[in-house]
Amino acid sequence: MPETPGLPPASTRRAVVAAAGGAGLAAVLTACGSDSGSGSASDTPAPDAPTSDSGSGGSGGGGDVLARTSDIPVGGGKVFADQKVVVTQPAAGRFKGFSAVCTHRGCTVIDVSDGTINCPCHGSKFKVEDGSVAHGPATSPLPPKTVTVSGDGITLG
């Protein structure tokens, strides 16, 4: 291996390995986010939608149809990663919205199956009924998001 002028060969190799390791660690920490169970404290009921459940943290694209009611299975749900929201239908005609950001380390949940909202990063599971923790390591529930049902359309806010 040729020597780099001004640096001993071992120092160059160590610098490259340390820089690569540091960059990898930074990428992992950025992907995992931070431990947060916080959400907005405002509770805003949806007066024009008797079939929707309202919660806090309703920030989003109110007005644009997110999904059709037929897209959300009874007892299940669907993750909308771009909007960072999960919409569930725990009982026929009852729709709930939750943040799609896992409260354990900030990963985006991946799917809804067998009555739980599932995070791929560390295996946390949340109940479709209320976003509460069904299986850790998460200890805080998913913050609710306001969803509104109008006709067969579901919107945020």
Protein backbone atom coordinates (compact mmCIF):
# COMPACT_ATOMS: atom_id res chain seq x y z
CA MET A 1 0.00 0.00 0.00
CA PRO A 2 1.50 3.39 -0.97
CA GLU A 3 2.04 5.90 1.78
CA THR A 4 0.21 9.23 1.84
CA PRO A 5 2.64 12.11 2.22
CA GLY A 6 2.43 13.62 5.70
CA LEU A 7 0.40 10.77 7.23
CA PRO A 8 1.53 7.36 8.40
CA PRO A 9 -0.31 4.46 6.65
CA ALA A 10 -2.05 3.25 9.84
CA SER A 11 -3.49 6.70 10.55
CA THR A 12 -4.99 6.96 7.08
CA ARG A 13 -6.63 3.55 7.39
CA ARG A 14 -7.98 4.39 10.86
CA ALA A 15 -9.37 7.72 9.63
CA VAL A 16 -11.21 6.05 6.74
CA VAL A 17 -12.66 3.32 8.99
CA ALA A 18 -13.69 5.84 11.67
CA ALA A 19 -15.32 8.15 9.13
CA ALA A 20 -17.27 5.27 7.55
CA GLY A 21 -18.42 4.04 10.96
CA GLY A 22 -19.47 7.53 12.03
CA ALA A 23 -21.45 8.07 8.83
CA GLY A 24 -23.22 4.73 9.27
CA LEU A 25 -24.09 5.51 12.87
CA ALA A 26 -25.44 8.93 11.91
CA ALA A 27 -27.64 7.34 9.22
CA VAL A 28 -29.07 4.79 11.69
CA LEU A 29 -29.79 7.42 14.33
CA THR A 30 -31.44 9.72 11.80
CA ALA A 31 -33.66 6.89 10.52
CA CYS A 32 -34.81 5.97 14.02
CA GLY A 33 -35.76 9.52 15.02
CA SER A 34 -36.36 10.39 18.63
CA ASP A 35 -38.41 8.90 21.44
CA SER A 36 -41.56 10.97 21.50
CA GLY A 37 -45.09 10.44 22.63
CA SER A 38 -46.14 14.01 22.07
CA GLY A 39 -48.98 15.18 19.93
CA SER A 40 -51.10 18.29 19.71
CA ALA A 41 -53.25 19.01 22.73
CA SER A 42 -56.26 20.32 20.79
CA ASP A 43 -59.44 18.25 20.65
CA THR A 44 -61.55 19.31 17.72
CA PRO A 45 -64.75 17.36 17.05
CA ALA A 46 -65.88 16.93 13.48
CA PRO A 47 -69.41 18.40 13.65
CA ASP A 48 -70.41 17.44 10.09
CA ALA A 49 -69.37 13.80 10.31
CA PRO A 50 -71.30 11.71 12.81
CA THR A 51 -69.61 8.50 11.60
CA SER A 52 -66.07 9.73 12.26
CA ASP A 53 -64.05 9.72 15.44
CA SER A 54 -62.12 12.86 16.26
CA GLY A 55 -58.86 13.10 18.11
CA SER A 56 -55.99 15.45 18.68
CA GLY A 57 -53.10 16.30 16.44
CA GLY A 58 -55.20 16.95 13.35
CA SER A 59 -52.67 18.47 11.03
CA GLY A 60 -53.01 17.56 7.45
CA GLY A 61 -54.64 18.10 4.17
CA GLY A 62 -58.24 18.73 5.23
CA GLY A 63 -60.34 18.76 2.09
CA ASP A 64 -58.41 16.26 -0.06
CA VAL A 65 -59.93 12.78 0.03
CA LEU A 66 -57.41 10.45 1.64
CA ALA A 67 -59.33 7.23 1.01
CA ARG A 68 -62.75 5.78 0.33
CA THR A 69 -64.54 4.03 3.17
CA SER A 70 -64.42 0.83 1.12
CA ASP A 71 -60.58 1.03 1.16
CA ILE A 72 -60.48 0.50 4.93
CA PRO A 73 -61.40 -3.05 6.03
CA VAL A 74 -63.57 -3.59 9.12
CA GLY A 75 -61.27 -4.64 11.96
CA GLY A 76 -58.25 -3.40 10.02
CA GLY A 77 -56.86 -0.27 8.47
CA LYS A 78 -54.51 1.32 6.00
CA VAL A 79 -51.25 3.27 6.41
CA PHE A 80 -50.82 6.50 4.42
CA ALA A 81 -47.06 6.99 4.78
CA ASP A 82 -46.90 10.27 2.81
CA GLN A 83 -49.41 11.89 5.16
CA LYS A 84 -47.99 10.05 8.20
CA VAL A 85 -51.44 8.81 9.19
CA VAL A 86 -53.14 5.45 9.74
CA VAL A 87 -56.90 5.11 9.26
CA THR A 88 -58.62 2.17 10.92
CA GLN A 89 -62.18 0.85 11.03
CA PRO A 90 -62.44 -1.04 14.33
CA ALA A 91 -66.18 -1.59 13.84
CA ALA A 92 -68.39 -1.22 10.78
CA GLY A 93 -68.89 2.47 9.97
CA ARG A 94 -66.54 3.70 12.74
CA PHE A 95 -63.30 5.23 11.44
CA LYS A 96 -60.31 6.29 13.56
CA GLY A 97 -57.14 8.15 12.66
CA PHE A 98 -53.72 7.88 14.28
CA SER A 99 -50.22 9.16 13.65
CA ALA A 100 -48.22 6.67 11.56
CA VAL A 101 -45.06 7.58 13.49
CA CYS A 102 -44.16 4.95 16.07
CA THR A 103 -43.80 6.39 19.56
CA HIS A 104 -40.83 4.14 20.31
CA ARG A 105 -38.18 5.50 17.94
CA GLY A 106 -40.00 7.46 15.25
CA CYS A 107 -40.19 4.87 12.48
CA THR A 108 -43.22 4.91 10.20
CA VAL A 109 -45.58 1.99 10.84
CA ILE A 110 -45.84 -0.35 7.89
CA ASP A 111 -49.22 -2.08 7.94
CA VAL A 112 -52.37 -3.07 9.79
CA SER A 113 -53.12 -6.76 10.33
CA ASP A 114 -54.74 -9.01 12.91
CA GLY A 115 -56.21 -6.02 14.76
CA THR A 116 -52.90 -4.17 15.22
CA ILE A 117 -50.95 -1.35 13.58
CA ASN A 118 -47.42 -2.70 13.13
CA CYS A 119 -44.01 -1.03 13.25
CA PRO A 120 -41.27 -2.78 11.26
CA CYS A 121 -38.31 -1.34 13.17
CA HIS A 122 -38.53 -2.95 16.61
CA GLY A 123 -41.81 -4.89 16.54
CA SER A 124 -44.14 -2.50 18.38
CA LYS A 125 -47.85 -3.10 17.79
CA PHE A 126 -50.77 -0.76 18.47
CA LYS A 127 -54.49 -1.57 18.77
CA VAL A 128 -56.72 -0.46 15.87
CA GLU A 129 -59.46 0.59 18.31
CA ASP A 130 -57.57 3.29 20.19
CA GLY A 131 -53.89 3.30 19.16
CA SER A 132 -52.84 1.93 22.56
CA VAL A 133 -49.78 -0.30 22.83
CA ALA A 134 -50.56 -3.98 22.23
CA HIS A 135 -46.90 -5.09 22.20
CA GLY A 136 -43.72 -3.15 23.06
CA PRO A 137 -41.08 -1.89 23.09
CA ALA A 138 -43.22 1.25 22.58
CA THR A 139 -44.76 2.44 25.86
CA SER A 140 -46.90 5.32 24.55
CA PRO A 141 -49.97 5.04 22.28
CA LEU A 142 -50.07 6.43 18.76
CA PRO A 143 -51.40 10.00 18.93
CA PRO A 144 -54.88 10.32 17.43
CA LYS A 145 -55.48 12.27 14.21
CA THR A 146 -58.82 13.74 13.22
CA VAL A 147 -60.48 11.98 10.30
CA THR A 148 -63.77 13.05 8.75
CA VAL A 149 -66.12 10.87 6.76
CA SER A 150 -68.35 12.56 4.21
CA GLY A 151 -70.29 10.23 1.96
CA ASP A 152 -67.77 7.54 1.07
CA GLY A 153 -64.74 9.84 1.35
CA ILE A 154 -62.33 10.04 4.28
CA THR A 155 -60.34 13.25 4.80
CA LEU A 156 -57.89 14.47 7.41
CA GLY A 157 -58.98 17.23 9.71
